[in-house]
Amino acid sequence: IPLDNLVLDIVIINQVLEHTKEIFFIFSEISRVLKPGGYVIVGVPNLASLHNRLLLLFGQQPTNIEVLGPHVRGFTIGSMKEFIESDGYFRVIDIKGSNFYGLPLSLSKYLSNLFPGSSASLFFLAERTEKRGQFIEVLKTRHFETNYFEGIKERE
């Protein structure tokens, strides 16, 4: 992100993370530009949505991660919350759901409020903590069986 460190009060990233493998780098850049106490709002499709659960029940591919689709990741409330809060750079404040496919809007809103973990999309409000450093350091505290982009190292 072509910005100086610690300059933003809020970052909104909606329906983006499911399209990329490099979520650690993206969150590292957010942690770099967001002031402590600043907020990030993250929207992702819900892999555990009711419609995806029904598709799996009948042996079908979930719509969130179609083999011939644009998404390379799937998220659930638990996995996304764990990711966002990794190593204490962010603290999740609130989680909301949105939409139940195929249902009338009023019923969809009601069920999304009641059962966010079964809604079509998930929205997380998180606060940047006072922890110094950048989220990319999470890669050094865990073992992953795949490589992740850590940014371009500056030449000396």
N, C-alpha and C. Protein backbone atom coordinates (compact mmCIF):
# COMPACT_ATOMS: atom_id res chain seq x y z
N ILE A 1 0.86 -1.16 0.00
CA ILE A 1 0.00 0.00 0.00
C ILE A 1 0.91 1.23 0.00
N PRO A 2 0.77 2.10 -0.96
CA PRO A 2 1.69 3.24 -1.06
C PRO A 2 1.38 4.36 -0.06
N LEU A 3 1.48 4.02 1.23
CA LEU A 3 1.24 4.99 2.30
C LEU A 3 2.33 4.85 3.35
N ASP A 4 2.52 5.92 4.11
CA ASP A 4 3.45 5.86 5.24
C ASP A 4 2.87 4.96 6.33
N ASN A 5 3.69 4.62 7.30
CA ASN A 5 3.26 3.79 8.43
C ASN A 5 2.30 4.55 9.33
N LEU A 6 1.34 3.82 9.91
CA LEU A 6 0.46 4.32 10.97
C LEU A 6 -0.27 5.61 10.60
N VAL A 7 -0.89 5.66 9.44
CA VAL A 7 -1.55 6.88 8.99
C VAL A 7 -3.07 6.77 8.87
N LEU A 8 -3.61 5.56 8.86
CA LEU A 8 -5.05 5.40 8.64
C LEU A 8 -5.80 5.07 9.93
N ASP A 9 -7.03 5.55 10.01
CA ASP A 9 -7.90 5.23 11.13
C ASP A 9 -8.79 4.03 10.83
N ILE A 10 -9.05 3.77 9.55
CA ILE A 10 -9.92 2.65 9.17
C ILE A 10 -9.50 2.11 7.81
N VAL A 11 -9.59 0.79 7.69
CA VAL A 11 -9.36 0.10 6.43
C VAL A 11 -10.56 -0.82 6.21
N ILE A 12 -11.09 -0.79 5.01
CA ILE A 12 -12.19 -1.68 4.65
C ILE A 12 -11.71 -2.59 3.53
N ILE A 13 -11.82 -3.89 3.75
CA ILE A 13 -11.43 -4.86 2.74
C ILE A 13 -12.58 -5.87 2.62
N ASN A 14 -13.37 -5.69 1.58
CA ASN A 14 -14.61 -6.44 1.43
C ASN A 14 -14.57 -7.34 0.19
N GLN A 15 -14.73 -8.63 0.42
CA GLN A 15 -14.81 -9.62 -0.65
C GLN A 15 -13.54 -9.61 -1.52
N VAL A 16 -12.38 -9.61 -0.85
CA VAL A 16 -11.09 -9.61 -1.52
C VAL A 16 -10.26 -10.83 -1.12
N LEU A 17 -10.20 -11.12 0.18
CA LEU A 17 -9.27 -12.14 0.69
C LEU A 17 -9.50 -13.52 0.09
N GLU A 18 -10.73 -13.84 -0.28
CA GLU A 18 -11.00 -15.16 -0.86
C GLU A 18 -10.38 -15.34 -2.24
N HIS A 19 -9.90 -14.24 -2.83
CA HIS A 19 -9.31 -14.29 -4.17
C HIS A 19 -7.79 -14.38 -4.16
N THR A 20 -7.18 -14.40 -2.98
CA THR A 20 -5.72 -14.36 -2.93
C THR A 20 -5.16 -15.36 -1.93
N LYS A 21 -3.98 -15.85 -2.25
CA LYS A 21 -3.26 -16.72 -1.33
C LYS A 21 -2.51 -15.89 -0.28
N GLU A 22 -2.13 -14.69 -0.62
CA GLU A 22 -1.21 -13.90 0.20
C GLU A 22 -1.89 -13.07 1.28
N ILE A 23 -2.73 -13.73 2.09
CA ILE A 23 -3.47 -12.99 3.11
C ILE A 23 -2.56 -12.49 4.24
N PHE A 24 -1.44 -13.15 4.47
CA PHE A 24 -0.51 -12.68 5.51
C PHE A 24 0.10 -11.33 5.10
N PHE A 25 0.51 -11.22 3.85
CA PHE A 25 1.08 -9.97 3.37
C PHE A 25 0.04 -8.85 3.37
N ILE A 26 -1.17 -9.16 2.94
CA ILE A 26 -2.24 -8.16 2.93
C ILE A 26 -2.48 -7.65 4.35
N PHE A 27 -2.60 -8.57 5.31
CA PHE A 27 -2.83 -8.14 6.69
C PHE A 27 -1.62 -7.45 7.28
N SER A 28 -0.43 -7.78 6.80
CA SER A 28 0.76 -7.09 7.26
C SER A 28 0.74 -5.64 6.81
N GLU A 29 0.33 -5.42 5.57
CA GLU A 29 0.24 -4.05 5.08
C GLU A 29 -0.84 -3.27 5.83
N ILE A 30 -1.95 -3.93 6.14
CA ILE A 30 -2.99 -3.27 6.94
C ILE A 30 -2.43 -2.91 8.31
N SER A 31 -1.70 -3.85 8.93
CA SER A 31 -1.13 -3.58 10.26
C SER A 31 -0.10 -2.46 10.20
N ARG A 32 0.57 -2.30 9.07
CA ARG A 32 1.59 -1.26 8.91
C ARG A 32 0.96 0.13 8.79
N VAL A 33 -0.12 0.26 8.02
CA VAL A 33 -0.68 1.58 7.75
C VAL A 33 -1.75 2.00 8.76
N LEU A 34 -2.28 1.05 9.52
CA LEU A 34 -3.36 1.35 10.46
C LEU A 34 -2.78 1.81 11.80
N LYS A 35 -3.29 2.92 12.30
CA LYS A 35 -2.87 3.43 13.60
C LYS A 35 -3.32 2.48 14.71
N PRO A 36 -2.56 2.36 15.81
CA PRO A 36 -3.08 1.61 16.96
C PRO A 36 -4.42 2.21 17.39
N GLY A 37 -5.39 1.35 17.63
CA GLY A 37 -6.73 1.81 17.93
C GLY A 37 -7.59 2.01 16.69
N GLY A 38 -6.97 1.91 15.50
CA GLY A 38 -7.71 2.01 14.25
C GLY A 38 -8.48 0.72 13.97
N TYR A 39 -9.38 0.80 13.02
CA TYR A 39 -10.26 -0.34 12.74
C TYR A 39 -10.07 -0.88 11.33
N VAL A 40 -10.25 -2.18 11.22
CA VAL A 40 -10.31 -2.84 9.93
C VAL A 40 -11.65 -3.58 9.87
N ILE A 41 -12.35 -3.40 8.77
CA ILE A 41 -13.59 -4.13 8.52
C ILE A 41 -13.31 -5.10 7.38
N VAL A 42 -13.54 -6.37 7.64
CA VAL A 42 -13.23 -7.43 6.68
C VAL A 42 -14.52 -8.16 6.33
N GLY A 43 -14.81 -8.26 5.03
CA GLY A 43 -15.95 -9.04 4.56
C GLY A 43 -15.46 -10.20 3.72
N VAL A 44 -15.97 -11.39 4.03
CA VAL A 44 -15.61 -12.59 3.27
C VAL A 44 -16.85 -13.47 3.08
N PRO A 45 -16.88 -14.26 2.00
CA PRO A 45 -17.96 -15.23 1.89
C PRO A 45 -17.77 -16.32 2.95
N ASN A 46 -18.86 -16.90 3.39
CA ASN A 46 -18.84 -17.87 4.47
C ASN A 46 -18.88 -19.30 3.92
N LEU A 47 -17.78 -20.01 4.08
CA LEU A 47 -17.72 -21.40 3.63
C LEU A 47 -18.74 -22.26 4.37
N ALA A 48 -19.06 -21.91 5.61
CA ALA A 48 -19.99 -22.70 6.43
C ALA A 48 -21.43 -22.19 6.32
N SER A 49 -21.73 -21.44 5.27
CA SER A 49 -23.10 -20.94 5.10
C SER A 49 -24.07 -22.11 4.92
N LEU A 50 -25.32 -21.85 5.22
CA LEU A 50 -26.34 -22.90 5.10
C LEU A 50 -26.38 -23.49 3.70
N HIS A 51 -26.33 -22.64 2.69
CA HIS A 51 -26.41 -23.18 1.32
C HIS A 51 -25.18 -24.04 0.99
N ASN A 52 -23.99 -23.66 1.48
CA ASN A 52 -22.81 -24.49 1.24
C ASN A 52 -22.89 -25.82 2.01
N ARG A 53 -23.43 -25.78 3.21
CA ARG A 53 -23.60 -27.01 3.98
C ARG A 53 -24.55 -27.97 3.28
N LEU A 54 -25.62 -27.41 2.72
CA LEU A 54 -26.58 -28.26 1.99
C LEU A 54 -25.94 -28.84 0.73
N LEU A 55 -25.17 -28.02 0.03
CA LEU A 55 -24.47 -28.53 -1.15
C LEU A 55 -23.55 -29.69 -0.78
N LEU A 56 -22.77 -29.53 0.27
CA LEU A 56 -21.89 -30.62 0.72
C LEU A 56 -22.67 -31.86 1.13
N LEU A 57 -23.80 -31.66 1.79
CA LEU A 57 -24.64 -32.78 2.21
C LEU A 57 -25.05 -33.64 1.02
N PHE A 58 -25.26 -32.99 -0.12
CA PHE A 58 -25.67 -33.70 -1.32
C PHE A 58 -24.51 -33.97 -2.27
N GLY A 59 -23.28 -33.87 -1.73
CA GLY A 59 -22.10 -34.24 -2.51
C GLY A 59 -21.68 -33.22 -3.55
N GLN A 60 -22.12 -31.99 -3.40
CA GLN A 60 -21.79 -30.94 -4.36
C GLN A 60 -20.71 -30.02 -3.81
N GLN A 61 -20.01 -29.35 -4.71
CA GLN A 61 -18.96 -28.40 -4.35
C GLN A 61 -19.58 -27.13 -3.76
N PRO A 62 -19.09 -26.63 -2.63
CA PRO A 62 -19.58 -25.35 -2.10
C PRO A 62 -19.33 -24.22 -3.10
N THR A 63 -20.29 -23.31 -3.22
CA THR A 63 -20.16 -22.22 -4.18
C THR A 63 -18.99 -21.30 -3.86
N ASN A 64 -18.58 -21.24 -2.60
CA ASN A 64 -17.49 -20.33 -2.21
C ASN A 64 -16.13 -20.75 -2.74
N ILE A 65 -15.96 -22.01 -3.05
CA ILE A 65 -14.66 -22.47 -3.54
C ILE A 65 -14.84 -23.42 -4.72
N GLU A 66 -15.57 -22.96 -5.72
CA GLU A 66 -15.74 -23.73 -6.94
C GLU A 66 -14.38 -23.99 -7.57
N VAL A 67 -14.18 -25.18 -8.08
CA VAL A 67 -12.91 -25.53 -8.70
C VAL A 67 -12.63 -24.62 -9.89
N LEU A 68 -13.66 -24.31 -10.66
CA LEU A 68 -13.49 -23.42 -11.81
C LEU A 68 -13.89 -21.99 -11.48
N GLY A 69 -13.91 -21.65 -10.20
CA GLY A 69 -14.30 -20.31 -9.78
C GLY A 69 -13.12 -19.43 -9.42
N PRO A 70 -13.39 -18.19 -9.03
CA PRO A 70 -12.33 -17.23 -8.75
C PRO A 70 -11.76 -17.30 -7.33
N HIS A 71 -12.40 -18.04 -6.44
CA HIS A 71 -11.97 -18.06 -5.05
C HIS A 71 -10.93 -19.14 -4.80
N VAL A 72 -9.89 -18.77 -4.05
CA VAL A 72 -8.84 -19.73 -3.71
C VAL A 72 -8.84 -20.08 -2.22
N ARG A 73 -9.71 -19.42 -1.45
CA ARG A 73 -9.80 -19.67 -0.01
C ARG A 73 -11.25 -19.70 0.43
N GLY A 74 -11.47 -20.43 1.51
CA GLY A 74 -12.76 -20.43 2.17
C GLY A 74 -12.58 -20.03 3.62
N PHE A 75 -13.57 -19.35 4.19
CA PHE A 75 -13.48 -18.86 5.56
C PHE A 75 -14.72 -19.23 6.35
N THR A 76 -14.51 -19.50 7.62
CA THR A 76 -15.59 -19.66 8.58
C THR A 76 -15.35 -18.65 9.70
N ILE A 77 -16.35 -18.48 10.55
CA ILE A 77 -16.17 -17.52 11.66
C ILE A 77 -14.94 -17.87 12.49
N GLY A 78 -14.83 -19.11 12.90
CA GLY A 78 -13.71 -19.50 13.77
C GLY A 78 -12.35 -19.34 13.12
N SER A 79 -12.23 -19.78 11.86
CA SER A 79 -10.92 -19.70 11.21
C SER A 79 -10.52 -18.26 10.92
N MET A 80 -11.47 -17.44 10.52
CA MET A 80 -11.14 -16.04 10.22
C MET A 80 -10.81 -15.26 11.48
N LYS A 81 -11.55 -15.49 12.54
CA LYS A 81 -11.27 -14.83 13.82
C LYS A 81 -9.88 -15.23 14.32
N GLU A 82 -9.56 -16.52 14.23
CA GLU A 82 -8.24 -16.99 14.66
C GLU A 82 -7.14 -16.33 13.83
N PHE A 83 -7.35 -16.23 12.52
CA PHE A 83 -6.36 -15.59 11.65
C PHE A 83 -6.17 -14.12 12.04
N ILE A 84 -7.27 -13.37 12.11
CA ILE A 84 -7.18 -11.94 12.40
C ILE A 84 -6.47 -11.68 13.73
N GLU A 85 -6.75 -12.50 14.73
CA GLU A 85 -6.18 -12.28 16.07
C GLU A 85 -4.81 -12.94 16.27
N SER A 86 -4.25 -13.54 15.23
CA SER A 86 -2.95 -14.20 15.34
C SER A 86 -1.89 -13.28 15.93
N ASP A 87 -1.27 -13.73 16.98
CA ASP A 87 -0.14 -13.06 17.63
C ASP A 87 -0.46 -11.66 18.17
N GLY A 88 -1.73 -11.29 18.24
CA GLY A 88 -2.12 -10.09 18.96
C GLY A 88 -2.00 -8.76 18.23
N TYR A 89 -1.89 -8.76 16.91
CA TYR A 89 -1.83 -7.49 16.17
C TYR A 89 -3.20 -6.83 16.06
N PHE A 90 -4.25 -7.66 16.07
CA PHE A 90 -5.62 -7.18 15.97
C PHE A 90 -6.49 -7.90 17.00
N ARG A 91 -7.58 -7.24 17.36
CA ARG A 91 -8.56 -7.84 18.26
C ARG A 91 -9.93 -7.71 17.60
N VAL A 92 -10.61 -8.85 17.41
CA VAL A 92 -11.94 -8.83 16.81
C VAL A 92 -12.92 -8.28 17.84
N ILE A 93 -13.68 -7.26 17.44
CA ILE A 93 -14.65 -6.61 18.31
C ILE A 93 -16.05 -7.13 18.06
N ASP A 94 -16.37 -7.38 16.78
CA ASP A 94 -17.73 -7.79 16.45
C ASP A 94 -17.71 -8.62 15.17
N ILE A 95 -18.69 -9.50 15.04
CA ILE A 95 -18.85 -10.35 13.86
C ILE A 95 -20.33 -10.31 13.49
N LYS A 96 -20.60 -10.07 12.22
CA LYS A 96 -21.97 -10.05 11.71
C LYS A 96 -22.06 -10.95 10.49
N GLY A 97 -23.27 -11.45 10.26
CA GLY A 97 -23.54 -12.22 9.06
C GLY A 97 -24.46 -11.44 8.15
N SER A 98 -24.50 -11.82 6.88
CA SER A 98 -25.39 -11.17 5.93
C SER A 98 -25.86 -12.17 4.89
N ASN A 99 -27.15 -12.22 4.70
CA ASN A 99 -27.80 -12.94 3.61
C ASN A 99 -27.92 -14.44 3.84
N PHE A 100 -29.07 -14.93 3.53
CA PHE A 100 -29.35 -16.36 3.41
C PHE A 100 -29.93 -16.52 2.01
N TYR A 101 -29.19 -17.15 1.10
CA TYR A 101 -29.62 -17.27 -0.29
C TYR A 101 -30.99 -17.93 -0.40
N GLY A 102 -31.80 -17.37 -1.28
CA GLY A 102 -33.08 -17.96 -1.59
C GLY A 102 -34.22 -17.58 -0.66
N LEU A 103 -33.92 -16.81 0.38
CA LEU A 103 -34.96 -16.43 1.33
C LEU A 103 -35.35 -14.97 1.12
N PRO A 104 -36.59 -14.60 1.47
CA PRO A 104 -36.98 -13.19 1.39
C PRO A 104 -36.07 -12.32 2.25
N LEU A 105 -35.89 -11.08 1.82
CA LEU A 105 -34.94 -10.16 2.47
C LEU A 105 -35.19 -10.03 3.97
N SER A 106 -36.43 -9.85 4.38
CA SER A 106 -36.71 -9.66 5.81
C SER A 106 -36.33 -10.91 6.61
N LEU A 107 -36.65 -12.08 6.10
CA LEU A 107 -36.29 -13.32 6.78
C LEU A 107 -34.77 -13.53 6.76
N SER A 108 -34.15 -13.20 5.64
CA SER A 108 -32.70 -13.32 5.51
C SER A 108 -31.97 -12.46 6.53
N LYS A 109 -32.42 -11.21 6.70
CA LYS A 109 -31.80 -10.31 7.69
C LYS A 109 -31.98 -10.85 9.11
N TYR A 110 -33.17 -11.32 9.39
CA TYR A 110 -33.45 -11.87 10.72
C TYR A 110 -32.56 -13.07 11.02
N LEU A 111 -32.48 -14.01 10.09
CA LEU A 111 -31.67 -15.21 10.30
C LEU A 111 -30.17 -14.88 10.35
N SER A 112 -29.74 -13.90 9.57
CA SER A 112 -28.32 -13.50 9.60
C SER A 112 -27.93 -12.94 10.95
N ASN A 113 -28.84 -12.19 11.57
CA ASN A 113 -28.58 -11.66 12.91
C ASN A 113 -28.58 -12.77 13.95
N LEU A 114 -29.49 -13.72 13.78
CA LEU A 114 -29.64 -14.82 14.74
C LEU A 114 -28.55 -15.87 14.59
N PHE A 115 -28.21 -16.19 13.34
CA PHE A 115 -27.23 -17.25 13.03
C PHE A 115 -26.18 -16.74 12.04
N PRO A 116 -25.29 -15.84 12.47
CA PRO A 116 -24.31 -15.30 11.52
C PRO A 116 -23.41 -16.38 10.91
N GLY A 117 -23.14 -17.43 11.67
CA GLY A 117 -22.27 -18.49 11.17
C GLY A 117 -22.87 -19.32 10.05
N SER A 118 -24.15 -19.14 9.77
CA SER A 118 -24.80 -19.85 8.67
C SER A 118 -25.18 -18.92 7.53
N SER A 119 -24.85 -17.65 7.65
CA SER A 119 -25.19 -16.68 6.60
C SER A 119 -24.21 -16.79 5.43
N ALA A 120 -24.57 -16.17 4.31
CA ALA A 120 -23.75 -16.27 3.10
C ALA A 120 -22.43 -15.52 3.21
N SER A 121 -22.43 -14.38 3.92
CA SER A 121 -21.21 -13.58 4.07
C SER A 121 -20.97 -13.26 5.54
N LEU A 122 -19.71 -13.06 5.87
CA LEU A 122 -19.29 -12.72 7.23
C LEU A 122 -18.57 -11.38 7.20
N PHE A 123 -18.80 -10.59 8.26
CA PHE A 123 -18.14 -9.29 8.38
C PHE A 123 -17.54 -9.18 9.77
N PHE A 124 -16.26 -8.83 9.81
CA PHE A 124 -15.51 -8.74 11.06
C PHE A 124 -15.07 -7.29 11.27
N LEU A 125 -15.31 -6.78 12.46
CA LEU A 125 -14.78 -5.49 12.88
C LEU A 125 -13.65 -5.80 13.85
N ALA A 126 -12.45 -5.36 13.50
CA ALA A 126 -11.28 -5.61 14.35
C ALA A 126 -10.55 -4.30 14.61
N GLU A 127 -9.91 -4.25 15.76
CA GLU A 127 -9.14 -3.08 16.16
C GLU A 127 -7.66 -3.42 16.13
N ARG A 128 -6.86 -2.48 15.62
CA ARG A 128 -5.41 -2.64 15.64
C ARG A 128 -4.96 -2.41 17.07
N THR A 129 -4.25 -3.37 17.62
CA THR A 129 -3.77 -3.25 18.99
C THR A 129 -2.50 -2.39 19.04
N GLU A 130 -1.98 -2.21 20.23
CA GLU A 130 -0.75 -1.44 20.43
C GLU A 130 0.50 -2.25 20.09
N LYS A 131 0.33 -3.53 19.77
CA LYS A 131 1.50 -4.38 19.49
C LYS A 131 2.32 -3.81 18.34
N ARG A 132 3.60 -3.66 18.60
CA ARG A 132 4.51 -3.12 17.58
C ARG A 132 4.82 -4.19 16.55
N GLY A 133 5.24 -3.75 15.40
CA GLY A 133 5.61 -4.66 14.33
C GLY A 133 4.48 -4.84 13.34
N GLN A 134 4.70 -5.80 12.45
CA GLN A 134 3.73 -6.04 11.40
C GLN A 134 3.26 -7.49 11.42
N PHE A 135 2.08 -7.70 10.93
CA PHE A 135 1.42 -8.99 10.94
C PHE A 135 2.24 -10.07 10.24
N ILE A 136 3.11 -9.71 9.32
CA ILE A 136 3.91 -10.69 8.58
C ILE A 136 4.76 -11.53 9.52
N GLU A 137 5.03 -11.02 10.72
CA GLU A 137 5.81 -11.77 11.71
C GLU A 137 5.11 -13.06 12.14
N VAL A 138 3.81 -13.15 11.92
CA VAL A 138 3.06 -14.37 12.22
C VAL A 138 3.68 -15.56 11.50
N LEU A 139 4.22 -15.32 10.31
CA LEU A 139 4.83 -16.42 9.54
C LEU A 139 6.03 -17.02 10.26
N LYS A 140 6.67 -16.24 11.12
CA LYS A 140 7.85 -16.73 11.84
C LYS A 140 7.49 -17.49 13.11
N THR A 141 6.24 -17.39 13.54
CA THR A 141 5.84 -18.03 14.80
C THR A 141 5.13 -19.36 14.58
N ARG A 142 4.97 -19.76 13.33
CA ARG A 142 4.27 -21.01 13.00
C ARG A 142 4.96 -21.71 11.85
N HIS A 143 4.68 -23.00 11.72
CA HIS A 143 5.21 -23.76 10.59
C HIS A 143 4.10 -23.94 9.56
N PHE A 144 4.37 -23.54 8.34
CA PHE A 144 3.43 -23.73 7.24
C PHE A 144 4.07 -24.62 6.20
N GLU A 145 3.28 -25.44 5.57
CA GLU A 145 3.79 -26.37 4.55
C GLU A 145 3.85 -25.73 3.18
N THR A 146 3.61 -24.46 3.10
CA THR A 146 3.68 -23.72 1.85
C THR A 146 4.37 -22.39 2.11
N ASN A 147 4.94 -21.83 1.09
CA ASN A 147 5.60 -20.53 1.22
C ASN A 147 4.59 -19.41 1.03
N TYR A 148 4.80 -18.31 1.72
CA TYR A 148 3.97 -17.12 1.57
C TYR A 148 4.87 -15.94 1.26
N PHE A 149 4.34 -15.01 0.47
CA PHE A 149 5.05 -13.80 0.11
C PHE A 149 5.22 -12.94 1.36
N GLU A 150 6.45 -12.52 1.62
CA GLU A 150 6.74 -11.71 2.80
C GLU A 150 7.08 -10.27 2.45
N GLY A 151 6.91 -9.91 1.22
CA GLY A 151 7.24 -8.55 0.77
C GLY A 151 8.58 -8.54 0.09
N ILE A 152 8.86 -7.45 -0.56
CA ILE A 152 10.12 -7.29 -1.27
C ILE A 152 11.14 -6.71 -0.30
N LYS A 153 12.24 -7.41 -0.16
CA LYS A 153 13.31 -6.95 0.73
C LYS A 153 14.06 -5.80 0.06
N GLU A 154 14.25 -4.74 0.80
CA GLU A 154 14.98 -3.59 0.26
C GLU A 154 16.46 -3.92 0.18
N ARG A 155 17.08 -3.47 -0.88
CA ARG A 155 18.53 -3.69 -1.07
C ARG A 155 19.29 -2.68 -0.24
N GLU A 156 20.40 -3.14 0.27
CA GLU A 156 21.23 -2.25 1.10
C GLU A 156 22.27 -1.54 0.26
